[in-house]
Amino acid sequence: MSFSSKSDSEARPLLDDRRSSYGSADSEETTSPETPLNKVSRSDLIWILAGLWSAVFLGALDGTIVATLLTPIGSDFNKANQASYIGTAYLLSVCCFTPLYGRLSDILGRRGAMLLGLFFFGSTGTLLCGLANSMEMLIAARAIAGMGGGGVMTVSSVAVTDLIPLKQRGLYQGMCNILFGLGAGLGGPLGGYLNDAFGWRSAFLLQMPILVFSVLLVTLKVKIKLPFDVQNQSTSAKLKRIDFCGSFTLVGTVGCLLLGFSLKSTEELPWSDPLIWGLFVVSAVFCVSFVLVEHYWSQYPIMPLRLITQRTPLAVSLSNFFGSVGAFSMVQSSPRKSCIYRLTLSYFSAVRLNSSTEAGLHLLPHSVALSTGSVFAGWIMRKTGKLYYLTLASAGSAILASALVCLWNDQSSEFHLWLDIVPQGFGMASLITSTLIAMIAGVVKEDMAVATGITYLFRTTGQVIGVSCSGAILQAVLVAKLRMRIHGPNALEVCINIIEDIRHSVNIIPSLPDDLRTAAISSYRDALEVVFLCQLAMNILTFICCLPIQENPLPCVAF
C-alpha cells in the first residue's frame, strides 16, 4: 500500500476535528468546516501581510547586515576574537525560543505573540545593539533580539495559515520566502554602505522605522479570533496556561546541545574537551526532564508528546532536521544560506582558485533556484491539491545535486560547475514549503500553531548542527591531509603555520610556493569530498523520512 494513499474514512476525522474548538459553539459560522472563522477583505489581507512580512523581511535583512558588520564591530571594540559570538548568540536564542511562540500564539493571540516577538527583536534587541557600549552588551543584545526573531517567523506563518486556504497556503509561503531572500540579499551591501557612510551603529538604528511600521500594522489590522474559551479568559488565567517548566527544560535542552556544537566549531575544541561533553550531558539531563514534565506535569504542554509521535508530524520533523543538517548552514547569523552554497564557494576559491567574484557568480543559479522553488511548490499544491509526490521529488532533487557535486574533479566541465547545485536549491526550497503544509494538514486545528513551531525548531536546530558538524569534518580532514602531504626540513613547524593560515583563509593558497600550493589544493579537495559525501547521506535520510508523510486533504477554505 502506498504511503500517500488514504481512504475516505481516514481523511474524514481530520476534517471533523478541525472545526472542534476554534470558535464559539453558539456561532453558526463555525458549525461547518467549509466556513472560515477568520474572514477578511482583500484590502485588509494586504495590510495584514504587509505588517507580518515586513517583519520577516527585516529579520532576513538584519541577519546579513550583522554578518557584514562583524569585522568593523570587532575592530571598534578591539575584540575581534569575540565577534563570532554576535552571530552565535542570536542563532542559539532563535533556536531555543522559536518553539515557544507556537503555544504563546494560542494563549496570547496571534497579535499578542507577534507583538511580543517584535518587542524582543526590535524595541529591545536591535535598539540595544545600536546603543551598545561594549562587546559583551552587544552580544547580550543580539541574544535578546534572537528571542523575538524566531517568534516573528513562527507567528507570521501561523497567522497566514489562519487567513489563507490551506490549498493556497504554499503559494503564499513561497512569496514570503522570496521576500525573505530579497532581505537577505540586500543586507550585505546595505550593511557595508551604512558602515562606511555612518558607522556600524546606524545599521541597527535605521531598522527602527520598519519595525514601527510593522508594529502599527500588526496592532491595527491583525485581529484573528482565538477559541471562545481562550478569548474570554482573564490575563491571569491565560498566564496559567503557559508551560513555564516545559519552556525552561526545552530551552536548556536545545541551548546546551547547540552551544556544544557551536563551541566545537568556533573555538576548535576537541570532542573530548570537558566543556563540550559536559554541555552534551547537561542537554541530555534537560531532555529527560522535558519529557517527564510534558508527559506528567504540564496541563498545556509546549510540545505535546502525542503530537510529535504521530506519523506525519514525526516524519515532517525528521525530514526538516536531516534536510537542514545536509543542506542548510549559518553564515554568521543568516539562517537561509545553504551549506552546499558555503562549501561550493570554498571549492571554487580553494580548489579551482577562482576569484571571489567568479566563485560568487557560479552560485547565482543556485540562489535563483532557492527563490523560485518555494513558489513552484505552492503553485503545484494550489493546482493539484496534492503534496506527497511533490515532497518526494523535492527530496530527490537534493540527492541528485549532492551526487553530482560529489563527482566534481579537475576534468569537470563548466556546465556541471554552473548547474549541478541548482537542483539542491530548488528541491530544498520546495521541500520546506511542502512539508510545512503537510504538517499543518496532518494535525487538528488546535495543534496547528504548536506544530508550526515544532517544524521551525527542527529546521533551525538542523541548520546549526549542520554547519558545526560540516565545519568540524572539513577542518579535521584538512589537517590530516596537510600533515600527510607536507614534508622536508622543519616540516612540522611549516605544517603548523600553513595549516593555521589555510584553515582560516583560503586566500593565502595562490601565494604559496608550488609544492605547498599543490598540497593545500589537494587537501582541501579531499576534505570537501568527505563533507559532500556526508551531505549526500543526509539528503538520502531526508528522502527516507519523507516516505511516511500522509496525503491529507488540503481544504479550500482558511482555518
Protein backbone atom coordinates (compact mmCIF):
# COMPACT_ATOMS: atom_id res chain seq x y z
CA MET A 1 0.00 0.00 0.00
CA SER A 2 1.34 3.42 -0.95
CA PHE A 3 2.27 5.80 1.86
CA SER A 4 0.42 8.54 0.03
CA SER A 5 -2.91 6.76 -0.25
CA LYS A 6 -5.60 7.45 2.30
CA SER A 7 -9.09 6.11 2.50
CA ASP A 8 -12.07 8.39 2.94
CA SER A 9 -12.52 7.11 6.44
CA GLU A 10 -9.01 8.20 7.32
CA ALA A 11 -9.48 11.68 5.91
CA ARG A 12 -12.91 12.37 7.41
CA PRO A 13 -11.94 12.61 11.11
CA LEU A 14 -9.19 15.09 10.24
CA LEU A 15 -11.67 17.50 8.73
CA ASP A 16 -14.16 16.95 11.52
CA ASP A 17 -11.54 17.66 14.18
CA ARG A 18 -10.55 20.96 12.64
CA ARG A 19 -13.89 22.52 13.49
CA SER A 20 -13.93 21.28 17.04
CA SER A 21 -12.80 24.16 19.19
CA TYR A 22 -11.73 27.17 17.16
CA GLY A 23 -14.83 29.18 17.57
CA SER A 24 -17.88 29.62 19.71
CA ALA A 25 -20.21 26.68 19.82
CA ASP A 26 -23.05 29.17 19.52
CA SER A 27 -21.68 30.69 16.34
CA GLU A 28 -23.37 29.49 13.20
CA GLU A 29 -20.24 30.33 11.23
CA THR A 30 -18.18 27.67 13.00
CA THR A 31 -20.56 24.77 12.64
CA SER A 32 -19.40 23.97 9.12
CA PRO A 33 -15.86 23.03 8.16
CA GLU A 34 -16.33 24.88 4.90
CA THR A 35 -16.72 28.29 6.62
CA PRO A 36 -13.54 30.01 7.77
CA LEU A 37 -13.52 31.53 11.25
CA ASN A 38 -11.29 34.45 10.23
CA LYS A 39 -12.54 36.04 7.04
CA VAL A 40 -11.06 39.38 5.97
CA SER A 41 -11.42 41.62 2.96
CA ARG A 42 -8.76 41.69 0.28
CA SER A 43 -7.57 45.15 1.33
CA ASP A 44 -7.29 44.11 4.99
CA LEU A 45 -5.43 40.96 3.95
CA ILE A 46 -2.90 43.06 2.04
CA TRP A 47 -2.30 45.28 5.07
CA ILE A 48 -2.02 42.27 7.38
CA LEU A 49 0.50 40.59 5.09
CA ALA A 50 2.41 43.88 4.83
CA GLY A 51 2.68 44.03 8.61
CA LEU A 52 3.67 40.41 9.03
CA TRP A 53 6.01 40.13 6.07
CA SER A 54 7.75 43.45 6.68
CA ALA A 55 8.94 41.89 9.96
CA VAL A 56 10.07 38.75 8.11
CA PHE A 57 11.89 40.92 5.55
CA LEU A 58 13.58 42.84 8.34
CA GLY A 59 14.67 39.63 10.07
CA ALA A 60 16.41 38.47 6.89
CA LEU A 61 17.90 41.92 6.27
CA ASP A 62 19.18 42.12 9.84
CA GLY A 63 20.92 38.74 9.58
CA THR A 64 23.12 39.58 6.60
CA ILE A 65 23.67 43.17 7.77
CA VAL A 66 25.16 41.87 11.01
CA ALA A 67 27.32 39.34 9.14
CA THR A 68 28.79 42.25 7.17
CA LEU A 69 29.46 44.28 10.31
CA LEU A 70 31.37 41.71 12.35
CA THR A 71 34.80 42.95 11.32
CA PRO A 72 34.20 46.68 11.96
CA ILE A 73 32.41 45.93 15.23
CA GLY A 74 35.31 43.76 16.41
CA SER A 75 37.79 46.46 15.45
CA ASP A 76 35.75 49.20 17.13
CA PHE A 77 35.64 47.38 20.47
CA ASN A 78 39.15 45.94 19.94
CA LYS A 79 37.74 42.45 20.49
CA ALA A 80 37.77 40.88 17.04
CA ASN A 81 38.25 37.44 18.61
CA GLN A 82 34.75 37.69 20.14
CA ALA A 83 32.96 38.93 17.02
CA SER A 84 31.73 35.47 16.00
CA TYR A 85 29.71 35.27 19.23
CA ILE A 86 27.47 38.05 17.92
CA GLY A 87 26.05 35.65 15.37
CA THR A 88 26.23 32.62 17.67
CA ALA A 89 24.25 34.34 20.44
CA TYR A 90 21.48 35.32 18.03
CA LEU A 91 21.26 31.89 16.44
CA LEU A 92 21.19 29.97 19.73
CA SER A 93 18.49 32.28 21.05
CA VAL A 94 16.40 31.85 17.89
CA CYS A 95 16.61 28.06 18.12
CA CYS A 96 15.75 27.99 21.82
CA PHE A 97 12.74 30.31 21.76
CA THR A 98 11.20 29.59 18.35
CA PRO A 99 9.08 26.62 19.51
CA LEU A 100 7.65 28.59 22.44
CA TYR A 101 5.78 31.00 20.17
CA GLY A 102 3.51 28.33 18.76
CA ARG A 103 1.83 27.82 22.13
CA LEU A 104 2.08 31.51 23.02
CA SER A 105 0.15 32.41 19.88
CA ASP A 106 -2.66 30.16 21.11
CA ILE A 107 -2.65 31.81 24.54
CA LEU A 108 -1.87 35.47 23.83
CA GLY A 109 -3.41 35.51 20.37
CA ARG A 110 -1.62 35.95 17.07
CA ARG A 111 -1.37 39.71 17.52
CA GLY A 112 -0.12 39.45 21.11
CA ALA A 113 2.52 36.84 20.27
CA MET A 114 3.67 38.78 17.19
CA LEU A 115 3.98 42.00 19.18
CA LEU A 116 5.94 40.12 21.84
CA GLY A 117 8.34 38.85 19.18
CA LEU A 118 8.69 42.33 17.67
CA PHE A 119 9.33 43.77 21.13
CA PHE A 120 12.24 41.44 21.82
CA PHE A 121 13.59 41.58 18.26
CA GLY A 122 13.32 45.31 17.68
CA SER A 123 12.31 47.55 20.54
CA THR A 124 14.76 45.85 22.91
CA GLY A 125 17.29 43.76 20.99
CA THR A 126 18.02 45.79 17.85
CA LEU A 127 17.79 49.13 19.64
CA LEU A 128 20.22 47.98 22.34
CA CYS A 129 22.59 46.74 19.63
CA GLY A 130 22.74 50.26 18.20
CA LEU A 131 23.37 51.73 21.66
CA ALA A 132 25.79 49.07 22.94
CA ASN A 133 28.95 50.44 24.56
CA SER A 134 30.80 47.13 24.88
CA MET A 135 31.13 43.83 23.03
CA GLU A 136 29.53 42.00 25.94
CA MET A 137 26.48 44.28 25.84
CA LEU A 138 26.19 43.83 22.08
CA ILE A 139 26.33 40.02 22.36
CA ALA A 140 23.64 40.11 25.07
CA ALA A 141 21.51 42.41 22.91
CA ARG A 142 21.77 40.01 19.97
CA ALA A 143 20.64 37.17 22.25
CA ILE A 144 17.61 39.26 23.24
CA ALA A 145 16.90 40.00 19.58
CA GLY A 146 17.02 36.28 18.87
CA MET A 147 14.32 35.71 21.50
CA GLY A 148 11.99 37.59 19.18
CA GLY A 149 13.48 36.81 15.78
CA GLY A 150 12.35 33.20 15.74
CA GLY A 151 8.92 34.18 17.03
CA VAL A 152 8.40 36.64 14.19
CA MET A 153 8.88 33.84 11.63
CA THR A 154 6.71 31.33 13.51
CA VAL A 155 3.79 33.61 14.36
CA SER A 156 3.66 35.17 10.91
CA SER A 157 3.42 31.67 9.43
CA VAL A 158 0.66 30.70 11.87
CA ALA A 159 -1.28 33.91 11.21
CA VAL A 160 -1.15 33.48 7.44
CA THR A 161 -2.42 29.91 7.85
CA ASP A 162 -5.42 31.27 9.78
CA LEU A 163 -6.30 33.55 6.89
CA ILE A 164 -5.35 31.64 3.73
CA PRO A 165 -6.96 28.41 2.49
CA LEU A 166 -4.54 25.55 3.01
CA LYS A 167 -4.66 24.66 -0.70
CA GLN A 168 -3.23 28.13 -1.48
CA ARG A 169 -1.04 28.36 1.62
CA GLY A 170 2.09 27.06 -0.08
CA LEU A 171 1.92 29.78 -2.73
CA TYR A 172 1.82 32.48 -0.07
CA GLN A 173 4.68 30.78 1.75
CA GLY A 174 6.64 30.93 -1.48
CA MET A 175 6.00 34.67 -1.83
CA CYS A 176 7.10 35.14 1.77
CA ASN A 177 10.30 33.19 1.06
CA ILE A 178 11.04 35.42 -1.93
CA LEU A 179 10.68 38.45 0.33
CA PHE A 180 12.96 36.79 2.85
CA GLY A 181 15.53 36.12 0.13
CA LEU A 182 15.32 39.73 -1.02
CA GLY A 183 16.02 40.93 2.51
CA ALA A 184 18.95 38.56 2.87
CA GLY A 185 20.36 39.67 -0.48
CA LEU A 186 20.10 43.39 0.30
CA GLY A 187 21.51 43.10 3.82
CA GLY A 188 25.14 42.60 2.83
CA PRO A 189 25.63 45.58 0.51
CA LEU A 190 23.36 47.81 2.62
CA GLY A 191 25.29 46.95 5.78
CA GLY A 192 28.59 47.76 4.09
CA TYR A 193 27.28 51.08 2.78
CA LEU A 194 25.83 52.16 6.12
CA ASN A 195 29.03 51.22 7.94
CA ASP A 196 31.18 53.22 5.52
CA ALA A 197 28.86 56.22 5.45
CA PHE A 198 27.53 56.48 9.01
CA GLY A 199 29.19 53.83 11.16
CA TRP A 200 28.03 50.36 12.13
CA ARG A 201 25.53 51.58 14.75
CA SER A 202 23.41 53.18 12.03
CA ALA A 203 22.74 49.73 10.52
CA PHE A 204 20.83 48.81 13.69
CA LEU A 205 19.17 52.14 14.40
CA LEU A 206 17.90 52.63 10.84
CA GLN A 207 15.92 49.40 11.15
CA MET A 208 13.62 51.03 13.70
CA PRO A 209 11.28 52.77 11.18
CA ILE A 210 10.48 49.42 9.53
CA LEU A 211 9.85 47.93 12.96
CA VAL A 212 7.50 50.77 13.87
CA PHE A 213 5.65 50.24 10.58
CA SER A 214 5.27 46.53 11.30
CA VAL A 215 4.14 47.09 14.90
CA LEU A 216 1.49 49.62 13.83
CA LEU A 217 0.04 47.35 11.14
CA VAL A 218 0.03 44.30 13.40
CA THR A 219 -1.65 46.29 16.18
CA LEU A 220 -4.31 47.79 13.93
CA LYS A 221 -5.01 45.01 11.44
CA VAL A 222 -4.23 41.58 12.92
CA LYS A 223 -7.48 40.63 14.65
CA ILE A 224 -7.51 36.86 14.34
CA LYS A 225 -10.05 35.16 16.57
CA LEU A 226 -8.98 32.59 19.15
CA PRO A 227 -11.08 29.74 20.55
CA PHE A 228 -14.03 31.05 22.56
CA ASP A 229 -12.78 29.57 25.84
CA VAL A 230 -9.38 31.27 25.47
CA GLN A 231 -10.57 34.59 24.06
CA ASN A 232 -12.72 35.33 27.10
CA GLN A 233 -10.21 34.35 29.77
CA SER A 234 -8.58 36.86 32.11
CA THR A 235 -4.89 37.69 31.78
CA SER A 236 -4.05 35.69 34.90
CA ALA A 237 -5.90 32.66 33.55
CA LYS A 238 -4.01 32.93 30.25
CA LEU A 239 -0.69 33.11 32.10
CA LYS A 240 -1.54 29.90 33.94
CA ARG A 241 -1.79 28.16 30.57
CA ILE A 242 1.87 28.93 29.84
CA ASP A 243 4.09 25.87 30.33
CA PHE A 244 6.94 27.53 32.24
CA CYS A 245 8.61 24.27 33.33
CA GLY A 246 8.37 22.80 29.85
CA SER A 247 9.71 26.00 28.31
CA PHE A 248 12.68 26.10 30.71
CA THR A 249 13.66 22.47 30.15
CA LEU A 250 13.21 22.78 26.36
CA VAL A 251 15.42 25.89 26.24
CA GLY A 252 18.01 24.06 28.34
CA THR A 253 17.92 21.01 26.06
CA VAL A 254 18.29 22.91 22.80
CA GLY A 255 20.59 25.62 24.16
CA CYS A 256 23.18 23.28 25.71
CA LEU A 257 23.14 20.97 22.69
CA LEU A 258 23.68 23.74 20.16
CA LEU A 259 26.17 25.59 22.34
CA GLY A 260 28.28 22.46 22.49
CA PHE A 261 28.29 22.09 18.70
CA SER A 262 28.93 25.82 18.21
CA LEU A 263 31.88 25.92 20.61
CA LYS A 264 33.34 22.83 18.96
CA SER A 265 33.26 24.64 15.61
CA THR A 266 34.10 28.25 16.55
CA GLU A 267 36.68 27.56 19.27
CA GLU A 268 38.05 24.44 17.50
CA LEU A 269 37.91 22.45 20.75
CA PRO A 270 38.32 18.66 20.67
CA TRP A 271 35.27 16.45 21.22
CA SER A 272 36.95 15.17 24.40
CA ASP A 273 37.08 18.65 25.94
CA PRO A 274 35.19 18.65 29.30
CA LEU A 275 33.23 21.75 28.26
CA ILE A 276 31.93 20.08 25.09
CA TRP A 277 30.86 16.74 26.51
CA GLY A 278 29.71 18.46 29.70
CA LEU A 279 27.26 20.58 27.70
CA PHE A 280 26.01 17.46 25.91
CA VAL A 281 25.46 15.70 29.26
CA VAL A 282 23.56 18.70 30.65
CA SER A 283 21.49 18.79 27.45
CA ALA A 284 20.60 15.10 27.92
CA VAL A 285 19.54 15.75 31.53
CA PHE A 286 17.35 18.64 30.43
CA CYS A 287 15.90 16.48 27.65
CA VAL A 288 14.85 13.74 30.08
CA SER A 289 13.39 16.37 32.39
CA PHE A 290 11.50 17.93 29.48
CA VAL A 291 9.91 14.60 28.50
CA LEU A 292 8.86 13.92 32.09
CA VAL A 293 7.43 17.42 32.54
CA GLU A 294 5.49 17.31 29.29
CA HIS A 295 4.13 13.82 29.96
CA TYR A 296 3.25 14.01 33.66
CA TRP A 297 3.14 17.66 34.71
CA SER A 298 2.08 20.17 32.06
CA GLN A 299 -1.62 20.73 31.52
CA TYR A 300 -0.91 22.71 28.33
CA PRO A 301 2.44 21.30 27.11
CA ILE A 302 4.64 23.48 24.95
CA MET A 303 5.34 20.44 22.74
CA PRO A 304 2.71 17.74 23.19
CA LEU A 305 4.37 14.34 23.03
CA ARG A 306 1.24 12.85 21.48
CA LEU A 307 1.80 15.22 18.54
CA ILE A 308 5.46 14.53 17.90
CA THR A 309 4.83 10.75 17.96
CA GLN A 310 2.16 10.88 15.25
CA ARG A 311 3.16 9.60 11.83
CA THR A 312 3.10 12.73 9.69
CA PRO A 313 4.36 15.25 12.30
CA LEU A 314 7.26 12.94 13.18
CA ALA A 315 8.13 12.36 9.52
CA VAL A 316 7.98 16.08 8.74
CA SER A 317 10.11 16.97 11.79
CA LEU A 318 12.80 14.43 10.95
CA SER A 319 12.84 15.32 7.25
CA ASN A 320 13.27 19.01 8.13
CA PHE A 321 16.03 18.17 10.59
CA PHE A 322 18.07 15.93 8.27
CA GLY A 323 17.39 18.19 5.30
CA SER A 324 18.70 21.17 7.25
CA VAL A 325 21.74 19.25 8.50
CA GLY A 326 22.58 18.29 4.94
CA ALA A 327 21.69 21.44 3.07
CA PHE A 328 21.48 24.42 5.39
CA SER A 329 24.10 26.28 7.30
CA MET A 330 24.64 29.55 9.01
CA VAL A 331 26.87 32.21 7.52
CA GLN A 332 27.24 34.06 10.82
CA SER A 333 23.59 34.89 11.62
CA SER A 334 21.80 34.40 8.32
CA PRO A 335 19.59 31.31 8.63
CA ARG A 336 18.89 30.79 4.94
CA LYS A 337 22.36 30.27 3.48
CA SER A 338 22.76 26.72 2.34
CA CYS A 339 25.68 24.60 3.46
CA ILE A 340 26.28 23.48 -0.10
CA TYR A 341 26.40 27.19 -1.00
CA ARG A 342 29.16 27.86 1.51
CA LEU A 343 31.13 24.74 0.75
CA THR A 344 30.97 25.05 -3.01
CA LEU A 345 32.16 28.63 -2.59
CA SER A 346 35.17 27.17 -0.79
CA TYR A 347 35.59 24.66 -3.64
CA PHE A 348 35.75 27.36 -6.30
CA SER A 349 38.07 29.54 -4.18
CA ALA A 350 40.40 26.93 -2.70
CA VAL A 351 40.41 24.16 -5.31
CA ARG A 352 39.69 25.99 -8.58
CA LEU A 353 41.47 29.15 -7.37
CA ASN A 354 38.72 31.37 -8.76
CA SER A 355 38.38 34.94 -7.58
CA SER A 356 35.65 35.78 -5.09
CA THR A 357 33.62 37.37 -7.89
CA GLU A 358 33.92 34.31 -10.15
CA ALA A 359 33.05 31.97 -7.27
CA GLY A 360 30.01 34.04 -6.38
CA LEU A 361 28.78 34.09 -9.98
CA HIS A 362 28.90 30.28 -10.12
CA LEU A 363 26.38 30.22 -7.28
CA LEU A 364 23.95 32.69 -8.85
CA PRO A 365 21.79 29.94 -10.46
CA HIS A 366 21.55 28.26 -7.04
CA SER A 367 20.29 31.49 -5.48
CA VAL A 368 17.66 31.88 -8.20
CA ALA A 369 16.56 28.27 -7.64
CA LEU A 370 16.16 28.93 -3.90
CA SER A 371 13.85 31.84 -4.65
CA THR A 372 11.69 30.01 -7.19
CA GLY A 373 11.47 26.53 -5.67
CA SER A 374 9.10 27.53 -2.91
CA VAL A 375 6.75 29.40 -5.25
CA PHE A 376 6.75 26.42 -7.62
CA ALA A 377 5.77 24.08 -4.77
CA GLY A 378 2.97 26.43 -3.74
CA TRP A 379 1.69 26.64 -7.32
CA ILE A 380 1.69 22.84 -7.69
CA MET A 381 -0.21 22.36 -4.42
CA ARG A 382 -2.72 25.01 -5.41
CA LYS A 383 -3.34 23.39 -8.81
CA THR A 384 -3.43 19.75 -7.71
CA GLY A 385 -4.30 19.83 -4.02
CA LYS A 386 -1.56 17.19 -3.58
CA LEU A 387 1.83 17.29 -1.91
CA TYR A 388 3.14 13.76 -1.37
CA TYR A 389 4.88 13.14 -4.69
CA LEU A 390 5.97 16.78 -4.81
CA THR A 391 7.72 16.26 -1.47
CA LEU A 392 9.46 13.10 -2.66
CA ALA A 393 10.53 14.77 -5.90
CA SER A 394 11.91 17.72 -3.95
CA ALA A 395 13.93 15.47 -1.66
CA GLY A 396 15.11 13.51 -4.70
CA SER A 397 16.35 16.72 -6.34
CA ALA A 398 18.59 17.39 -3.34
CA ILE A 399 20.01 13.87 -3.60
CA LEU A 400 20.71 14.38 -7.30
CA ALA A 401 22.56 17.64 -6.66
CA SER A 402 24.66 16.14 -3.84
CA ALA A 403 25.58 13.16 -6.02
CA LEU A 404 26.60 15.41 -8.92
CA VAL A 405 28.72 17.61 -6.67
CA CYS A 406 30.47 14.53 -5.24
CA LEU A 407 31.59 13.70 -8.81
CA TRP A 408 33.35 17.05 -9.37
CA ASN A 409 37.01 16.73 -10.37
CA ASP A 410 39.65 18.55 -12.39
CA GLN A 411 38.01 17.42 -15.63
CA SER A 412 34.50 18.58 -14.72
CA SER A 413 33.07 20.88 -17.39
CA GLU A 414 31.88 24.40 -16.73
CA PHE A 415 28.34 23.23 -17.46
CA HIS A 416 28.43 20.93 -14.42
CA LEU A 417 30.10 23.53 -12.21
CA TRP A 418 27.40 26.07 -13.02
CA LEU A 419 24.29 23.92 -12.89
CA ASP A 420 24.87 20.84 -10.71
CA ILE A 421 23.85 22.60 -7.50
CA VAL A 422 20.64 24.07 -8.95
CA PRO A 423 18.50 21.01 -8.02
CA GLN A 424 19.74 21.42 -4.44
CA GLY A 425 18.38 24.94 -4.03
CA PHE A 426 15.18 24.27 -5.95
CA GLY A 427 14.48 20.98 -4.18
CA MET A 428 15.13 22.18 -0.64
CA ALA A 429 13.08 25.35 -1.10
CA SER A 430 10.22 23.22 -2.40
CA LEU A 431 10.68 20.65 0.37
CA ILE A 432 10.46 23.06 3.30
CA THR A 433 7.28 24.52 1.79
CA SER A 434 5.52 21.21 1.09
CA THR A 435 6.48 19.68 4.45
CA LEU A 436 5.18 22.73 6.31
CA ILE A 437 1.83 22.32 4.58
CA ALA A 438 1.94 18.56 5.26
CA MET A 439 2.46 19.29 8.96
CA ILE A 440 -0.44 21.74 9.12
CA ALA A 441 -2.74 19.43 7.14
CA GLY A 442 -1.77 16.46 9.31
CA VAL A 443 -2.90 17.87 12.67
CA VAL A 444 -6.16 19.15 14.10
CA LYS A 445 -6.54 22.90 14.24
CA GLU A 446 -5.94 23.07 17.97
CA ASP A 447 -2.38 21.81 17.35
CA MET A 448 -1.66 23.87 14.23
CA ALA A 449 0.29 26.67 15.91
CA VAL A 450 2.33 24.30 18.09
CA ALA A 451 3.04 22.06 15.09
CA THR A 452 4.33 25.05 13.11
CA GLY A 453 6.68 25.92 15.98
CA ILE A 454 7.94 22.34 16.08
CA THR A 455 8.70 22.45 12.35
CA TYR A 456 10.78 25.60 12.75
CA LEU A 457 12.53 24.12 15.81
CA PHE A 458 13.73 21.02 13.96
CA ARG A 459 14.68 23.11 10.94
CA THR A 460 16.76 25.69 12.83
CA THR A 461 18.36 23.04 15.04
CA GLY A 462 19.42 21.13 11.94
CA GLN A 463 20.94 24.28 10.48
CA VAL A 464 23.21 24.82 13.49
CA ILE A 465 24.25 21.20 13.77
CA GLY A 466 24.80 21.04 10.01
CA VAL A 467 27.21 23.94 9.84
CA SER A 468 29.00 22.94 13.05
CA CYS A 469 29.50 19.32 12.02
CA SER A 470 30.42 20.12 8.42
CA GLY A 471 32.96 22.68 9.67
CA ALA A 472 34.41 20.19 12.14
CA ILE A 473 34.66 17.44 9.49
CA LEU A 474 36.21 19.83 6.96
CA GLN A 475 38.85 21.05 9.41
CA ALA A 476 39.69 17.56 10.72
CA VAL A 477 40.21 16.06 7.26
CA LEU A 478 42.09 19.14 6.05
CA VAL A 479 44.53 18.98 8.97
CA ALA A 480 45.13 15.25 8.49
CA LYS A 481 45.72 15.56 4.75
CA LEU A 482 48.02 18.58 5.07
CA ARG A 483 50.16 16.83 7.67
CA MET A 484 50.36 13.80 5.36
CA ARG A 485 51.48 15.85 2.35
CA ILE A 486 53.90 18.42 3.80
CA HIS A 487 57.46 17.08 4.21
CA GLY A 488 61.02 18.36 4.29
CA PRO A 489 63.18 20.34 6.77
CA ASN A 490 61.22 21.86 9.65
CA ALA A 491 58.18 20.14 8.16
CA LEU A 492 56.31 20.09 11.47
CA GLU A 493 56.73 23.84 12.09
CA VAL A 494 55.93 24.71 8.47
CA CYS A 495 52.96 22.38 8.57
CA ILE A 496 51.54 24.01 11.70
CA ASN A 497 51.87 27.52 10.27
CA ILE A 498 50.43 26.60 6.86
CA ILE A 499 47.59 24.65 8.42
CA GLU A 500 46.56 27.57 10.61
CA ASP A 501 46.76 30.03 7.70
CA ILE A 502 44.80 27.83 5.31
CA ARG A 503 42.19 26.84 7.88
CA HIS A 504 41.31 30.46 8.48
CA SER A 505 41.60 31.86 4.96
CA VAL A 506 41.72 30.22 1.54
CA ASN A 507 43.01 33.47 0.02
CA ILE A 508 46.55 32.54 1.01
CA ILE A 509 46.65 29.45 -1.23
CA PRO A 510 47.52 31.14 -4.58
CA SER A 511 50.53 32.88 -2.96
CA LEU A 512 52.07 29.69 -1.54
CA PRO A 513 55.15 28.06 -3.12
CA ASP A 514 54.32 25.47 -5.78
CA ASP A 515 54.76 22.38 -3.61
CA LEU A 516 52.77 23.81 -0.70
CA ARG A 517 50.07 25.15 -3.01
CA THR A 518 49.64 21.71 -4.59
CA ALA A 519 49.41 20.11 -1.14
CA ALA A 520 46.89 22.70 0.02
CA ILE A 521 44.64 22.33 -3.05
CA SER A 522 44.68 18.54 -2.89
CA SER A 523 43.98 18.54 0.84
CA TYR A 524 41.10 20.96 0.50
CA ARG A 525 39.64 18.89 -2.33
CA ASP A 526 39.81 15.72 -0.22
CA ALA A 527 38.23 17.44 2.77
CA LEU A 528 35.37 18.86 0.69
CA GLU A 529 34.71 15.48 -0.90
CA VAL A 530 34.21 13.95 2.55
CA VAL A 531 31.79 16.71 3.53
CA PHE A 532 29.88 16.39 0.24
CA LEU A 533 29.52 12.65 0.83
CA CYS A 534 28.15 13.34 4.31
CA GLN A 535 25.66 15.78 2.78
CA LEU A 536 24.60 13.12 0.30
CA ALA A 537 23.95 10.72 3.19
CA MET A 538 21.85 13.36 5.00
CA ASN A 539 19.80 14.01 1.87
CA ILE A 540 19.14 10.28 1.47
CA LEU A 541 17.94 10.17 5.09
CA THR A 542 15.70 13.14 4.32
CA PHE A 543 14.11 11.25 1.43
CA ILE A 544 13.55 8.18 3.62
CA CYS A 545 11.92 10.33 6.31
CA CYS A 546 9.56 11.83 3.72
CA LEU A 547 8.15 8.42 2.76
CA PRO A 548 5.73 8.08 5.71
CA ILE A 549 4.19 11.54 5.17
CA GLN A 550 0.46 11.16 4.57
CA GLU A 551 -1.50 12.77 1.76
CA ASN A 552 -4.13 14.64 3.76
CA PRO A 553 -6.75 16.78 2.00
CA LEU A 554 -5.90 20.45 1.54
CA PRO A 555 -9.07 22.43 2.40
CA CYS A 556 -10.13 25.20 0.03
CA VAL A 557 -11.04 27.49 2.96
CA ALA A 558 -8.92 29.05 5.68
CA PHE A 559 -8.82 27.50 9.11
